[in-house]
Amino acid sequence: MTIDRAKMYRDMALRGKYRNLYNHLCGLPAQEWRTTFSEIESILGFELPASARLHRPWWANQSFGNGHSHALAWGVAGWETAEVDMSAETLLLRPKNREEARRRPRLDEFWPVHPTAVFPEGLSLRREDLYEDRI
């Protein structure tokens, strides 16, 4: 069974607390968006947590599908944060380099999925083949 992780993350973003931000970013043209914390709050319909105003790491970009729901909202929408100014409460959101994201290795590339009861070519479970270096 193949899991479509990208679809699962999109579904999570659509159901999550930050879905309004996700939807807003999906509707923006692929250009930079300079915004304020207050503007993001008006899009969300609620106040950002205090940690968003106190801790710069709250605005950190995270690898695909890992981390916090707020970072998932902008990450899955194809955006990344930059130029976060905690004093002025402003930030820049810009489109992620989608080519780079596509080139990231996936687990399936390192550990290929094989259907049940079908062995990869060259795989042998014969005792002689398993222990040939010990004989």
N, C-alpha and C. Protein backbone atom coordinates (compact mmCIF):
# COMPACT_ATOMS: atom_id res chain seq x y z
N MET A 1 0.84 -1.17 0.00
CA MET A 1 0.00 0.00 0.00
C MET A 1 0.89 1.24 0.00
N THR A 2 0.68 2.13 -0.91
CA THR A 2 1.45 3.35 -1.01
C THR A 2 0.70 4.48 -0.31
N ILE A 3 1.41 5.19 0.52
CA ILE A 3 0.81 6.31 1.25
C ILE A 3 1.17 7.60 0.53
N ASP A 4 0.18 8.42 0.25
CA ASP A 4 0.42 9.72 -0.35
C ASP A 4 0.59 10.72 0.79
N ARG A 5 1.84 10.88 1.22
CA ARG A 5 2.12 11.74 2.37
C ARG A 5 1.75 13.19 2.11
N ALA A 6 2.01 13.67 0.90
CA ALA A 6 1.68 15.06 0.58
C ALA A 6 0.19 15.31 0.76
N LYS A 7 -0.64 14.36 0.33
CA LYS A 7 -2.09 14.51 0.50
C LYS A 7 -2.47 14.46 1.98
N MET A 8 -1.82 13.59 2.74
CA MET A 8 -2.11 13.50 4.17
C MET A 8 -1.76 14.82 4.87
N TYR A 9 -0.64 15.43 4.51
CA TYR A 9 -0.25 16.69 5.13
C TYR A 9 -1.20 17.82 4.72
N ARG A 10 -1.63 17.81 3.46
CA ARG A 10 -2.62 18.82 3.03
C ARG A 10 -3.91 18.67 3.81
N ASP A 11 -4.35 17.43 3.99
CA ASP A 11 -5.57 17.18 4.76
C ASP A 11 -5.41 17.65 6.20
N MET A 12 -4.23 17.43 6.79
CA MET A 12 -3.97 17.88 8.15
C MET A 12 -4.03 19.41 8.22
N ALA A 13 -3.44 20.07 7.23
CA ALA A 13 -3.44 21.54 7.21
C ALA A 13 -4.86 22.07 7.05
N LEU A 14 -5.66 21.39 6.25
CA LEU A 14 -7.05 21.82 6.04
C LEU A 14 -7.92 21.63 7.27
N ARG A 15 -7.60 20.65 8.11
CA ARG A 15 -8.38 20.38 9.31
C ARG A 15 -7.84 21.11 10.53
N GLY A 16 -6.62 21.61 10.44
CA GLY A 16 -5.94 22.16 11.61
C GLY A 16 -6.38 23.55 12.00
N LYS A 17 -5.88 23.96 13.12
CA LYS A 17 -6.18 25.27 13.71
C LYS A 17 -5.76 26.41 12.78
N TYR A 18 -4.72 26.20 11.99
CA TYR A 18 -4.17 27.26 11.13
C TYR A 18 -4.64 27.11 9.68
N ARG A 19 -5.78 26.47 9.48
CA ARG A 19 -6.29 26.23 8.12
C ARG A 19 -6.58 27.53 7.36
N ASN A 20 -7.01 28.58 8.06
CA ASN A 20 -7.29 29.84 7.36
C ASN A 20 -6.01 30.44 6.77
N LEU A 21 -4.90 30.30 7.48
CA LEU A 21 -3.62 30.75 6.95
C LEU A 21 -3.21 29.90 5.75
N TYR A 22 -3.38 28.59 5.87
CA TYR A 22 -3.08 27.68 4.76
C TYR A 22 -3.89 28.07 3.52
N ASN A 23 -5.20 28.25 3.69
CA ASN A 23 -6.06 28.61 2.56
C ASN A 23 -5.66 29.96 1.96
N HIS A 24 -5.33 30.91 2.82
CA HIS A 24 -4.92 32.23 2.33
C HIS A 24 -3.66 32.12 1.49
N LEU A 25 -2.68 31.38 1.99
CA LEU A 25 -1.41 31.25 1.26
C LEU A 25 -1.59 30.48 -0.05
N CYS A 26 -2.48 29.51 -0.06
CA CYS A 26 -2.74 28.76 -1.30
C CYS A 26 -3.35 29.67 -2.37
N GLY A 27 -4.05 30.71 -1.94
CA GLY A 27 -4.70 31.62 -2.89
C GLY A 27 -3.82 32.77 -3.34
N LEU A 28 -2.66 32.93 -2.74
CA LEU A 28 -1.77 34.03 -3.13
C LEU A 28 -0.98 33.68 -4.38
N PRO A 29 -0.70 34.69 -5.22
CA PRO A 29 0.19 34.42 -6.35
C PRO A 29 1.59 34.11 -5.81
N ALA A 30 2.37 33.42 -6.58
CA ALA A 30 3.70 32.97 -6.14
C ALA A 30 4.68 34.14 -6.11
N GLN A 31 4.45 35.07 -5.20
CA GLN A 31 5.35 36.19 -4.98
C GLN A 31 5.58 36.31 -3.49
N GLU A 32 6.48 37.18 -3.11
CA GLU A 32 6.73 37.40 -1.69
C GLU A 32 5.54 38.14 -1.07
N TRP A 33 5.29 37.84 0.19
CA TRP A 33 4.22 38.50 0.93
C TRP A 33 4.79 39.03 2.24
N ARG A 34 4.94 40.34 2.32
CA ARG A 34 5.41 40.98 3.54
C ARG A 34 4.17 41.29 4.38
N THR A 35 4.19 40.82 5.62
CA THR A 35 2.99 40.92 6.44
C THR A 35 3.35 41.21 7.90
N THR A 36 2.32 41.39 8.69
CA THR A 36 2.51 41.64 10.12
C THR A 36 1.85 40.51 10.91
N PHE A 37 2.25 40.40 12.16
CA PHE A 37 1.63 39.40 13.02
C PHE A 37 0.13 39.68 13.14
N SER A 38 -0.22 40.97 13.23
CA SER A 38 -1.64 41.35 13.35
C SER A 38 -2.45 40.94 12.13
N GLU A 39 -1.87 41.11 10.96
CA GLU A 39 -2.57 40.72 9.73
C GLU A 39 -2.79 39.20 9.70
N ILE A 40 -1.81 38.47 10.15
CA ILE A 40 -1.97 37.01 10.21
C ILE A 40 -3.07 36.65 11.20
N GLU A 41 -3.12 37.36 12.32
CA GLU A 41 -4.18 37.12 13.30
C GLU A 41 -5.56 37.40 12.71
N SER A 42 -5.67 38.45 11.90
CA SER A 42 -6.98 38.74 11.30
C SER A 42 -7.38 37.66 10.29
N ILE A 43 -6.41 37.07 9.62
CA ILE A 43 -6.70 35.97 8.69
C ILE A 43 -7.12 34.73 9.47
N LEU A 44 -6.42 34.47 10.57
CA LEU A 44 -6.71 33.28 11.38
C LEU A 44 -8.04 33.40 12.12
N GLY A 45 -8.37 34.62 12.56
CA GLY A 45 -9.58 34.81 13.34
C GLY A 45 -9.33 34.62 14.84
N PHE A 46 -8.08 34.56 15.26
CA PHE A 46 -7.74 34.47 16.67
C PHE A 46 -6.32 35.01 16.85
N GLU A 47 -5.96 35.29 18.10
CA GLU A 47 -4.64 35.82 18.40
C GLU A 47 -3.57 34.72 18.33
N LEU A 48 -2.41 35.10 17.88
CA LEU A 48 -1.27 34.19 17.92
C LEU A 48 -0.90 33.93 19.38
N PRO A 49 -0.32 32.79 19.66
CA PRO A 49 0.11 32.54 21.04
C PRO A 49 1.23 33.51 21.44
N ALA A 50 1.39 33.71 22.71
CA ALA A 50 2.44 34.61 23.21
C ALA A 50 3.81 34.19 22.70
N SER A 51 4.04 32.91 22.56
CA SER A 51 5.35 32.42 22.10
C SER A 51 5.69 32.93 20.70
N ALA A 52 4.69 33.24 19.86
CA ALA A 52 4.96 33.78 18.53
C ALA A 52 5.58 35.16 18.61
N ARG A 53 5.26 35.88 19.67
CA ARG A 53 5.81 37.23 19.86
C ARG A 53 7.08 37.23 20.70
N LEU A 54 7.34 36.15 21.42
CA LEU A 54 8.48 36.11 22.32
C LEU A 54 9.66 35.30 21.80
N HIS A 55 9.39 34.28 21.00
CA HIS A 55 10.44 33.35 20.59
C HIS A 55 10.54 33.27 19.08
N ARG A 56 11.68 33.64 18.55
CA ARG A 56 11.91 33.60 17.10
C ARG A 56 11.74 32.19 16.52
N PRO A 57 12.13 31.14 17.25
CA PRO A 57 11.97 29.79 16.68
C PRO A 57 10.52 29.41 16.35
N TRP A 58 9.55 30.11 16.91
CA TRP A 58 8.15 29.83 16.58
C TRP A 58 7.92 29.99 15.08
N TRP A 59 8.67 30.89 14.47
CA TRP A 59 8.51 31.19 13.04
C TRP A 59 9.44 30.36 12.16
N ALA A 60 10.11 29.39 12.74
CA ALA A 60 11.07 28.59 11.97
C ALA A 60 10.38 27.71 10.94
N ASN A 61 11.03 27.54 9.82
CA ASN A 61 10.57 26.60 8.80
C ASN A 61 11.01 25.21 9.22
N GLN A 62 10.20 24.23 8.92
CA GLN A 62 10.52 22.87 9.32
C GLN A 62 10.45 21.97 8.12
N SER A 63 11.16 20.85 8.22
CA SER A 63 11.15 19.92 7.11
C SER A 63 9.73 19.42 6.87
N PHE A 64 9.47 19.01 5.67
CA PHE A 64 8.13 18.65 5.22
C PHE A 64 7.46 17.65 6.15
N GLY A 65 6.35 18.07 6.71
CA GLY A 65 5.54 17.17 7.53
C GLY A 65 6.00 17.00 8.94
N ASN A 66 7.09 17.63 9.33
CA ASN A 66 7.57 17.50 10.70
C ASN A 66 7.35 18.81 11.43
N GLY A 67 7.01 18.72 12.69
CA GLY A 67 6.95 19.93 13.49
C GLY A 67 5.56 20.36 13.89
N HIS A 68 5.41 21.66 13.99
CA HIS A 68 4.21 22.27 14.55
C HIS A 68 3.15 22.57 13.49
N SER A 69 1.91 22.67 13.96
CA SER A 69 0.79 22.86 13.03
C SER A 69 0.87 24.20 12.30
N HIS A 70 1.38 25.23 12.95
CA HIS A 70 1.47 26.53 12.27
C HIS A 70 2.51 26.48 11.15
N ALA A 71 3.65 25.82 11.40
CA ALA A 71 4.68 25.68 10.36
C ALA A 71 4.20 24.76 9.25
N LEU A 72 3.38 23.78 9.61
CA LEU A 72 2.79 22.88 8.61
C LEU A 72 1.89 23.68 7.66
N ALA A 73 1.15 24.64 8.22
CA ALA A 73 0.22 25.43 7.40
C ALA A 73 0.95 26.17 6.28
N TRP A 74 2.02 26.87 6.59
CA TRP A 74 2.71 27.59 5.51
C TRP A 74 3.62 26.68 4.71
N GLY A 75 4.16 25.65 5.32
CA GLY A 75 5.05 24.74 4.59
C GLY A 75 4.33 23.92 3.54
N VAL A 76 3.18 23.35 3.90
CA VAL A 76 2.42 22.53 2.95
C VAL A 76 1.83 23.40 1.85
N ALA A 77 1.54 24.66 2.18
CA ALA A 77 1.02 25.59 1.16
C ALA A 77 2.12 26.01 0.18
N GLY A 78 3.38 25.65 0.47
CA GLY A 78 4.47 25.94 -0.46
C GLY A 78 5.21 27.23 -0.14
N TRP A 79 5.12 27.69 1.10
CA TRP A 79 5.75 28.94 1.50
C TRP A 79 6.76 28.69 2.62
N GLU A 80 7.66 29.67 2.81
CA GLU A 80 8.59 29.64 3.92
C GLU A 80 8.72 31.04 4.50
N THR A 81 9.04 31.09 5.78
CA THR A 81 9.21 32.38 6.44
C THR A 81 10.63 32.88 6.25
N ALA A 82 10.78 34.20 6.27
CA ALA A 82 12.08 34.84 6.16
C ALA A 82 11.97 36.24 6.77
N GLU A 83 13.09 36.81 7.09
CA GLU A 83 13.14 38.19 7.59
C GLU A 83 12.12 38.45 8.69
N VAL A 84 12.11 37.60 9.70
CA VAL A 84 11.20 37.78 10.83
C VAL A 84 11.80 38.85 11.74
N ASP A 85 11.05 39.92 11.95
CA ASP A 85 11.47 41.01 12.84
C ASP A 85 10.58 40.97 14.07
N MET A 86 11.10 40.44 15.16
CA MET A 86 10.31 40.26 16.37
C MET A 86 9.92 41.60 16.98
N SER A 87 10.76 42.61 16.88
CA SER A 87 10.46 43.93 17.46
C SER A 87 9.32 44.62 16.71
N ALA A 88 9.41 44.60 15.38
CA ALA A 88 8.39 45.25 14.56
C ALA A 88 7.18 44.35 14.32
N GLU A 89 7.29 43.08 14.71
CA GLU A 89 6.24 42.07 14.49
C GLU A 89 5.87 41.97 13.01
N THR A 90 6.90 41.84 12.19
CA THR A 90 6.70 41.67 10.74
C THR A 90 7.50 40.46 10.27
N LEU A 91 7.12 39.96 9.12
CA LEU A 91 7.87 38.88 8.49
C LEU A 91 7.61 38.87 7.00
N LEU A 92 8.44 38.14 6.32
CA LEU A 92 8.30 37.95 4.88
C LEU A 92 8.00 36.48 4.66
N LEU A 93 6.98 36.21 3.90
CA LEU A 93 6.70 34.83 3.46
C LEU A 93 6.99 34.79 1.97
N ARG A 94 7.72 33.78 1.56
CA ARG A 94 8.07 33.66 0.14
C ARG A 94 7.87 32.22 -0.29
N PRO A 95 7.61 32.03 -1.57
CA PRO A 95 7.42 30.66 -2.06
C PRO A 95 8.69 29.84 -1.86
N LYS A 96 8.51 28.60 -1.46
CA LYS A 96 9.65 27.69 -1.32
C LYS A 96 10.18 27.34 -2.68
N ASN A 97 11.44 26.99 -2.72
CA ASN A 97 12.03 26.47 -3.94
C ASN A 97 11.47 25.07 -4.15
N ARG A 98 10.46 24.96 -4.97
CA ARG A 98 9.77 23.67 -5.14
C ARG A 98 10.67 22.62 -5.78
N GLU A 99 11.60 23.05 -6.63
CA GLU A 99 12.52 22.09 -7.25
C GLU A 99 13.38 21.43 -6.19
N GLU A 100 13.87 22.22 -5.24
CA GLU A 100 14.69 21.68 -4.16
C GLU A 100 13.89 20.70 -3.31
N ALA A 101 12.64 21.05 -3.04
CA ALA A 101 11.79 20.17 -2.23
C ALA A 101 11.55 18.85 -2.95
N ARG A 102 11.41 18.89 -4.27
CA ARG A 102 11.18 17.66 -5.02
C ARG A 102 12.42 16.78 -5.04
N ARG A 103 13.61 17.39 -4.95
CA ARG A 103 14.84 16.62 -5.02
C ARG A 103 15.23 15.99 -3.70
N ARG A 104 14.56 16.34 -2.64
CA ARG A 104 14.89 15.74 -1.35
C ARG A 104 14.64 14.24 -1.43
N PRO A 105 15.59 13.49 -0.94
CA PRO A 105 15.40 12.03 -0.99
C PRO A 105 14.25 11.59 -0.11
N ARG A 106 13.53 10.61 -0.57
CA ARG A 106 12.44 10.04 0.19
C ARG A 106 12.87 8.68 0.72
N LEU A 107 12.21 8.24 1.76
CA LEU A 107 12.53 6.95 2.35
C LEU A 107 12.43 5.84 1.30
N ASP A 108 11.44 5.94 0.40
CA ASP A 108 11.25 4.91 -0.62
C ASP A 108 12.47 4.78 -1.55
N GLU A 109 13.24 5.87 -1.67
CA GLU A 109 14.42 5.80 -2.53
C GLU A 109 15.53 4.97 -1.87
N PHE A 110 15.59 5.01 -0.54
CA PHE A 110 16.62 4.27 0.19
C PHE A 110 16.16 2.88 0.57
N TRP A 111 14.88 2.74 0.79
CA TRP A 111 14.31 1.48 1.23
C TRP A 111 13.13 1.19 0.32
N PRO A 112 13.38 0.67 -0.88
CA PRO A 112 12.30 0.48 -1.85
C PRO A 112 11.20 -0.44 -1.33
N VAL A 113 10.00 -0.13 -1.71
CA VAL A 113 8.85 -0.93 -1.33
C VAL A 113 8.71 -2.07 -2.32
N HIS A 114 8.55 -3.28 -1.81
CA HIS A 114 8.37 -4.45 -2.66
C HIS A 114 7.06 -5.11 -2.28
N PRO A 115 6.27 -5.49 -3.26
CA PRO A 115 5.01 -6.16 -2.95
C PRO A 115 5.26 -7.45 -2.16
N THR A 116 4.30 -7.82 -1.36
CA THR A 116 4.40 -9.03 -0.55
C THR A 116 4.63 -10.25 -1.45
N ALA A 117 5.50 -11.13 -1.00
CA ALA A 117 5.82 -12.39 -1.66
C ALA A 117 6.56 -12.23 -2.99
N VAL A 118 7.06 -11.04 -3.26
CA VAL A 118 7.88 -10.84 -4.46
C VAL A 118 9.25 -10.36 -3.97
N PHE A 119 10.27 -11.16 -4.22
CA PHE A 119 11.60 -10.82 -3.76
C PHE A 119 12.31 -9.99 -4.82
N PRO A 120 13.09 -9.01 -4.39
CA PRO A 120 13.88 -8.24 -5.36
C PRO A 120 14.87 -9.15 -6.07
N GLU A 121 15.19 -8.79 -7.28
CA GLU A 121 16.13 -9.58 -8.06
C GLU A 121 17.46 -9.66 -7.32
N GLY A 122 18.01 -10.84 -7.25
CA GLY A 122 19.29 -11.04 -6.59
C GLY A 122 19.19 -11.38 -5.10
N LEU A 123 18.02 -11.27 -4.53
CA LEU A 123 17.85 -11.60 -3.12
C LEU A 123 17.67 -13.10 -3.00
N SER A 124 18.47 -13.68 -2.15
CA SER A 124 18.39 -15.12 -1.94
C SER A 124 18.32 -15.38 -0.45
N LEU A 125 17.49 -16.32 -0.06
CA LEU A 125 17.39 -16.71 1.33
C LEU A 125 17.98 -18.10 1.56
N ARG A 126 18.73 -18.57 0.59
CA ARG A 126 19.39 -19.87 0.75
C ARG A 126 20.48 -19.74 1.80
N ARG A 127 20.60 -20.77 2.61
CA ARG A 127 21.59 -20.77 3.67
C ARG A 127 23.01 -20.52 3.13
N GLU A 128 23.33 -21.13 2.02
CA GLU A 128 24.66 -20.98 1.44
C GLU A 128 24.95 -19.52 1.07
N ASP A 129 23.92 -18.83 0.57
CA ASP A 129 24.11 -17.44 0.17
C ASP A 129 24.17 -16.49 1.38
N LEU A 130 23.41 -16.83 2.40
CA LEU A 130 23.41 -15.99 3.59
C LEU A 130 24.72 -16.05 4.35
N TYR A 131 25.33 -17.23 4.37
CA TYR A 131 26.53 -17.42 5.19
C TYR A 131 27.78 -17.64 4.35
N GLU A 132 27.76 -17.25 3.07
CA GLU A 132 28.91 -17.59 2.23
C GLU A 132 30.19 -16.95 2.70
N ASP A 133 30.14 -15.78 3.34
CA ASP A 133 31.37 -15.15 3.79
C ASP A 133 31.90 -15.78 5.08
N ARG A 134 31.11 -16.61 5.74
CA ARG A 134 31.54 -17.25 7.00
C ARG A 134 32.12 -18.64 6.76
N ILE A 135 31.96 -19.19 5.60
CA ILE A 135 32.43 -20.56 5.33
C ILE A 135 33.86 -20.55 4.90
